Every structure is written in C-alpha cells, then in structure tokens.
Amino acid sequence: MSEGNPQINRVLDALGNQVRRDILLMLREGPMPVGTIATHFSISRPAISKHLRILQEADLVGYNINGTSNVFYLKPAGFRDLRVYLDLFWDDALAHFKRFAEGNRHLEP
C-alpha cells in the first residue's frame, strides 16, 4: 500500500536505515561537514554522501557550501511533516484508550 503522501513515504523510507538515523542524531548537535560525519562510521565517504542525499531528498537535511566542504544541517520542516503524520496515529490511539477507559469505569475501586 504505497498510497498517500509521497513526501511522507520518502521520509519514512529515509528513516528506515540505521546509518541515516545515526546521522540525524549527530546533526542534532549542529551543522557538520561530510568529512566529519564520515569519521563516525566504518563505511566509505561516498556511502555517507549517498545516505545524506537520501536524507536531503526526504527534506530532513540541507547543506551549505563552505569552501570545498558541504556542511549539512537538520531541516525542521521535514520533521514537522512527519510529526503531523504520526499524530494521526497518536490521536487514534488516544481515542481508543478513552473509549476503553470509559467502558471500564465500573472496574474502578
């Protein structure tokens, strides 16, 4: 079932990889050049660049050119879209919990 918002699908696909999630956690500390990011992983720098490209296509990161380096940073807008999507499920879960709790009031001491 690949229907729905194509942007959310890109975000969820991007988050489906541990290396990309680790990169996002690193970028929480602030913008970082590719070379610095790559030193934290046992994979090649081109592989890190590919992961960053996927994160960029998902609008989770952006970059600025600083001399000969690309400095990557988090883009809050991509995370807002994800949060809106996840909130759909959270709202449903809360509604189900409320119905359950109201249906079991007779069990209270």
N, C-alpha and C. Protein backbone atom coordinates (compact mmCIF):
# COMPACT_ATOMS: atom_id res chain seq x y z
N MET A 1 0.84 -1.17 0.00
CA MET A 1 0.00 0.00 0.00
C MET A 1 0.89 1.24 0.00
N SER A 2 1.23 1.74 -1.14
CA SER A 2 2.15 2.87 -1.25
C SER A 2 1.41 4.17 -1.54
N GLU A 3 0.11 4.20 -1.24
CA GLU A 3 -0.66 5.41 -1.47
C GLU A 3 -0.32 6.46 -0.43
N GLY A 4 -0.92 7.60 -0.56
CA GLY A 4 -0.73 8.63 0.45
C GLY A 4 0.21 9.70 -0.02
N ASN A 5 0.77 10.36 0.94
CA ASN A 5 1.65 11.50 0.72
C ASN A 5 3.05 11.01 0.30
N PRO A 6 3.46 11.30 -0.94
CA PRO A 6 4.78 10.83 -1.39
C PRO A 6 5.93 11.37 -0.54
N GLN A 7 5.78 12.57 0.00
CA GLN A 7 6.84 13.13 0.84
C GLN A 7 6.99 12.33 2.13
N ILE A 8 5.88 11.97 2.73
CA ILE A 8 5.94 11.16 3.95
C ILE A 8 6.57 9.81 3.64
N ASN A 9 6.26 9.24 2.49
CA ASN A 9 6.87 7.97 2.10
C ASN A 9 8.38 8.11 1.99
N ARG A 10 8.87 9.23 1.43
CA ARG A 10 10.32 9.46 1.33
C ARG A 10 10.94 9.57 2.72
N VAL A 11 10.25 10.27 3.61
CA VAL A 11 10.77 10.45 4.98
C VAL A 11 10.84 9.10 5.68
N LEU A 12 9.76 8.33 5.61
CA LEU A 12 9.75 7.03 6.29
C LEU A 12 10.80 6.09 5.69
N ASP A 13 10.95 6.12 4.38
CA ASP A 13 11.99 5.29 3.75
C ASP A 13 13.38 5.72 4.22
N ALA A 14 13.59 7.03 4.30
CA ALA A 14 14.90 7.54 4.74
C ALA A 14 15.19 7.12 6.17
N LEU A 15 14.17 7.11 7.02
CA LEU A 15 14.36 6.76 8.42
C LEU A 15 14.48 5.25 8.64
N GLY A 16 14.27 4.48 7.58
CA GLY A 16 14.33 3.03 7.68
C GLY A 16 15.73 2.47 7.75
N ASN A 17 16.74 3.32 7.74
CA ASN A 17 18.13 2.87 7.76
C ASN A 17 18.83 3.41 9.00
N GLN A 18 19.52 2.53 9.72
CA GLN A 18 20.17 2.92 10.98
C GLN A 18 21.25 3.98 10.77
N VAL A 19 22.02 3.88 9.71
CA VAL A 19 23.07 4.88 9.45
C VAL A 19 22.45 6.26 9.30
N ARG A 20 21.35 6.33 8.56
CA ARG A 20 20.71 7.64 8.37
C ARG A 20 20.13 8.17 9.68
N ARG A 21 19.57 7.29 10.50
CA ARG A 21 19.07 7.75 11.81
C ARG A 21 20.22 8.23 12.68
N ASP A 22 21.36 7.54 12.62
CA ASP A 22 22.54 7.97 13.39
C ASP A 22 23.05 9.33 12.90
N ILE A 23 23.03 9.54 11.59
CA ILE A 23 23.46 10.84 11.04
C ILE A 23 22.54 11.94 11.57
N LEU A 24 21.25 11.70 11.58
CA LEU A 24 20.31 12.71 12.09
C LEU A 24 20.59 13.01 13.55
N LEU A 25 20.87 11.99 14.33
CA LEU A 25 21.19 12.23 15.75
C LEU A 25 22.45 13.07 15.89
N MET A 26 23.45 12.82 15.05
CA MET A 26 24.67 13.62 15.09
C MET A 26 24.39 15.07 14.75
N LEU A 27 23.54 15.29 13.76
CA LEU A 27 23.25 16.65 13.31
C LEU A 27 22.42 17.44 14.32
N ARG A 28 21.87 16.75 15.31
CA ARG A 28 21.18 17.47 16.38
C ARG A 28 22.14 18.37 17.13
N GLU A 29 23.42 18.00 17.14
CA GLU A 29 24.44 18.80 17.83
C GLU A 29 24.79 20.06 17.06
N GLY A 30 24.44 20.11 15.78
CA GLY A 30 24.72 21.28 14.97
C GLY A 30 25.21 20.88 13.59
N PRO A 31 25.32 21.85 12.69
CA PRO A 31 25.78 21.56 11.32
C PRO A 31 27.15 20.90 11.33
N MET A 32 27.36 20.02 10.34
CA MET A 32 28.60 19.26 10.27
C MET A 32 28.98 19.00 8.82
N PRO A 33 30.28 19.11 8.50
CA PRO A 33 30.73 18.77 7.15
C PRO A 33 30.69 17.26 6.94
N VAL A 34 30.58 16.87 5.68
CA VAL A 34 30.52 15.45 5.33
C VAL A 34 31.70 14.69 5.91
N GLY A 35 32.89 15.26 5.81
CA GLY A 35 34.09 14.57 6.30
C GLY A 35 34.00 14.25 7.78
N THR A 36 33.47 15.17 8.56
CA THR A 36 33.32 14.94 10.00
C THR A 36 32.29 13.84 10.25
N ILE A 37 31.20 13.89 9.53
CA ILE A 37 30.17 12.86 9.67
C ILE A 37 30.78 11.49 9.34
N ALA A 38 31.52 11.43 8.26
CA ALA A 38 32.08 10.15 7.79
C ALA A 38 33.03 9.53 8.80
N THR A 39 33.72 10.34 9.59
CA THR A 39 34.68 9.77 10.56
C THR A 39 34.01 8.93 11.64
N HIS A 40 32.71 9.08 11.81
CA HIS A 40 31.99 8.34 12.85
C HIS A 40 31.46 6.99 12.37
N PHE A 41 31.73 6.65 11.13
CA PHE A 41 31.18 5.42 10.56
C PHE A 41 32.29 4.58 9.93
N SER A 42 32.03 3.29 9.85
CA SER A 42 33.02 2.39 9.25
C SER A 42 32.74 2.14 7.77
N ILE A 43 31.89 2.98 7.18
CA ILE A 43 31.61 2.86 5.75
C ILE A 43 32.31 4.00 5.02
N SER A 44 32.38 3.89 3.70
CA SER A 44 33.13 4.87 2.91
C SER A 44 32.45 6.24 2.91
N ARG A 45 33.25 7.24 2.61
CA ARG A 45 32.72 8.60 2.49
C ARG A 45 31.69 8.70 1.37
N PRO A 46 31.89 8.05 0.20
CA PRO A 46 30.83 8.07 -0.82
C PRO A 46 29.52 7.45 -0.32
N ALA A 47 29.62 6.41 0.52
CA ALA A 47 28.40 5.80 1.08
C ALA A 47 27.70 6.80 2.00
N ILE A 48 28.47 7.54 2.80
CA ILE A 48 27.88 8.57 3.66
C ILE A 48 27.21 9.64 2.81
N SER A 49 27.86 10.02 1.72
CA SER A 49 27.26 11.02 0.82
C SER A 49 25.94 10.53 0.25
N LYS A 50 25.88 9.24 -0.06
CA LYS A 50 24.62 8.68 -0.58
C LYS A 50 23.53 8.74 0.49
N HIS A 51 23.87 8.40 1.72
CA HIS A 51 22.89 8.48 2.80
C HIS A 51 22.43 9.92 3.00
N LEU A 52 23.36 10.86 2.93
CA LEU A 52 22.99 12.27 3.07
C LEU A 52 22.09 12.73 1.93
N ARG A 53 22.33 12.24 0.73
CA ARG A 53 21.49 12.58 -0.42
C ARG A 53 20.06 12.08 -0.19
N ILE A 54 19.93 10.87 0.35
CA ILE A 54 18.60 10.33 0.63
C ILE A 54 17.89 11.16 1.70
N LEU A 55 18.63 11.56 2.72
CA LEU A 55 18.05 12.43 3.75
C LEU A 55 17.66 13.79 3.19
N GLN A 56 18.45 14.29 2.26
CA GLN A 56 18.15 15.57 1.63
C GLN A 56 16.89 15.45 0.76
N GLU A 57 16.78 14.37 0.00
CA GLU A 57 15.60 14.16 -0.84
C GLU A 57 14.33 14.03 0.00
N ALA A 58 14.49 13.56 1.24
CA ALA A 58 13.37 13.46 2.16
C ALA A 58 13.10 14.78 2.88
N ASP A 59 13.91 15.80 2.59
CA ASP A 59 13.80 17.14 3.17
C ASP A 59 14.07 17.14 4.67
N LEU A 60 14.88 16.19 5.13
CA LEU A 60 15.25 16.14 6.54
C LEU A 60 16.55 16.88 6.81
N VAL A 61 17.39 17.01 5.80
CA VAL A 61 18.63 17.76 5.93
C VAL A 61 18.81 18.67 4.73
N GLY A 62 19.58 19.69 4.92
CA GLY A 62 20.02 20.57 3.85
C GLY A 62 21.52 20.78 4.01
N TYR A 63 22.09 21.53 3.09
CA TYR A 63 23.52 21.80 3.23
C TYR A 63 23.87 23.16 2.67
N ASN A 64 24.97 23.68 3.18
CA ASN A 64 25.58 24.91 2.67
C ASN A 64 26.98 24.55 2.21
N ILE A 65 27.43 25.23 1.17
CA ILE A 65 28.79 25.03 0.70
C ILE A 65 29.68 26.00 1.46
N ASN A 66 30.71 25.44 2.08
CA ASN A 66 31.66 26.25 2.83
C ASN A 66 33.06 25.90 2.30
N GLY A 67 33.53 26.69 1.36
CA GLY A 67 34.81 26.39 0.70
C GLY A 67 34.68 25.13 -0.13
N THR A 68 35.42 24.11 0.22
CA THR A 68 35.35 22.85 -0.52
C THR A 68 34.50 21.81 0.21
N SER A 69 33.86 22.22 1.31
CA SER A 69 33.06 21.28 2.10
C SER A 69 31.57 21.57 1.98
N ASN A 70 30.78 20.52 2.01
CA ASN A 70 29.34 20.64 2.17
C ASN A 70 29.03 20.44 3.65
N VAL A 71 28.42 21.44 4.26
CA VAL A 71 28.10 21.40 5.68
C VAL A 71 26.60 21.12 5.79
N PHE A 72 26.27 19.98 6.39
CA PHE A 72 24.88 19.55 6.49
C PHE A 72 24.26 19.98 7.81
N TYR A 73 22.95 20.22 7.76
CA TYR A 73 22.18 20.65 8.93
C TYR A 73 20.78 20.05 8.84
N LEU A 74 20.11 19.97 9.99
CA LEU A 74 18.74 19.46 10.03
C LEU A 74 17.77 20.51 9.49
N LYS A 75 16.72 20.04 8.82
CA LYS A 75 15.66 20.91 8.34
C LYS A 75 14.38 20.60 9.11
N PRO A 76 13.99 21.47 10.02
CA PRO A 76 12.81 21.21 10.86
C PRO A 76 11.53 20.94 10.08
N ALA A 77 11.35 21.53 8.92
CA ALA A 77 10.10 21.35 8.17
C ALA A 77 9.83 19.89 7.85
N GLY A 78 10.84 19.13 7.47
CA GLY A 78 10.65 17.72 7.17
C GLY A 78 10.19 16.93 8.37
N PHE A 79 10.66 17.32 9.53
CA PHE A 79 10.25 16.64 10.76
C PHE A 79 8.85 17.04 11.17
N ARG A 80 8.45 18.28 10.86
CA ARG A 80 7.08 18.71 11.15
C ARG A 80 6.09 17.87 10.35
N ASP A 81 6.40 17.65 9.07
CA ASP A 81 5.51 16.83 8.24
C ASP A 81 5.39 15.43 8.82
N LEU A 82 6.50 14.88 9.28
CA LEU A 82 6.48 13.54 9.87
C LEU A 82 5.66 13.54 11.15
N ARG A 83 5.82 14.57 11.95
CA ARG A 83 5.07 14.64 13.21
C ARG A 83 3.57 14.71 12.95
N VAL A 84 3.16 15.49 11.96
CA VAL A 84 1.74 15.57 11.61
C VAL A 84 1.23 14.18 11.23
N TYR A 85 2.01 13.46 10.45
CA TYR A 85 1.64 12.11 10.03
C TYR A 85 1.52 11.19 11.24
N LEU A 86 2.50 11.20 12.12
CA LEU A 86 2.48 10.33 13.29
C LEU A 86 1.38 10.72 14.27
N ASP A 87 1.06 12.01 14.33
CA ASP A 87 -0.02 12.46 15.21
C ASP A 87 -1.36 11.86 14.81
N LEU A 88 -1.54 11.53 13.55
CA LEU A 88 -2.77 10.86 13.12
C LEU A 88 -2.96 9.57 13.91
N PHE A 89 -1.89 8.82 14.07
CA PHE A 89 -1.96 7.56 14.78
C PHE A 89 -2.09 7.79 16.28
N TRP A 90 -1.39 8.79 16.80
CA TRP A 90 -1.46 9.11 18.21
C TRP A 90 -2.88 9.51 18.59
N ASP A 91 -3.51 10.35 17.77
CA ASP A 91 -4.89 10.78 18.04
C ASP A 91 -5.83 9.58 18.06
N ASP A 92 -5.65 8.65 17.13
CA ASP A 92 -6.47 7.43 17.10
C ASP A 92 -6.23 6.60 18.36
N ALA A 93 -4.98 6.45 18.75
CA ALA A 93 -4.66 5.66 19.94
C ALA A 93 -5.29 6.28 21.19
N LEU A 94 -5.22 7.60 21.31
CA LEU A 94 -5.83 8.26 22.47
C LEU A 94 -7.33 8.08 22.48
N ALA A 95 -7.95 8.18 21.32
CA ALA A 95 -9.41 8.00 21.22
C ALA A 95 -9.80 6.57 21.63
N HIS A 96 -9.03 5.59 21.18
CA HIS A 96 -9.30 4.20 21.57
C HIS A 96 -9.12 4.01 23.08
N PHE A 97 -8.07 4.60 23.62
CA PHE A 97 -7.81 4.48 25.05
C PHE A 97 -8.95 5.12 25.84
N LYS A 98 -9.42 6.28 25.39
CA LYS A 98 -10.51 6.96 26.09
C LYS A 98 -11.76 6.10 26.09
N ARG A 99 -12.09 5.52 24.94
CA ARG A 99 -13.27 4.64 24.87
C ARG A 99 -13.10 3.44 25.80
N PHE A 100 -11.91 2.87 25.82
CA PHE A 100 -11.64 1.73 26.70
C PHE A 100 -11.80 2.13 28.16
N ALA A 101 -11.21 3.26 28.55
CA ALA A 101 -11.27 3.71 29.93
C ALA A 101 -12.71 4.01 30.34
N GLU A 102 -13.45 4.67 29.46
CA GLU A 102 -14.84 4.99 29.79
C GLU A 102 -15.69 3.74 29.89
N GLY A 103 -15.35 2.74 29.07
CA GLY A 103 -16.10 1.49 29.09
C GLY A 103 -15.79 0.62 30.30
N ASN A 104 -14.71 0.94 31.00
CA ASN A 104 -14.30 0.13 32.16
C ASN A 104 -14.38 0.90 33.48
N ARG A 105 -15.16 1.96 33.51
CA ARG A 105 -15.28 2.75 34.74
C ARG A 105 -15.84 1.93 35.90
N HIS A 106 -16.63 0.96 35.57
CA HIS A 106 -17.24 0.14 36.62
C HIS A 106 -16.19 -0.71 37.36
N LEU A 107 -14.98 -0.81 36.82
CA LEU A 107 -13.93 -1.60 37.45
C LEU A 107 -13.12 -0.81 38.47
N GLU A 108 -13.35 0.51 38.56
CA GLU A 108 -12.58 1.34 39.49
C GLU A 108 -12.91 0.97 40.92
N PRO A 109 -11.91 1.00 41.83
CA PRO A 109 -12.18 0.65 43.25
C PRO A 109 -13.03 1.68 43.95
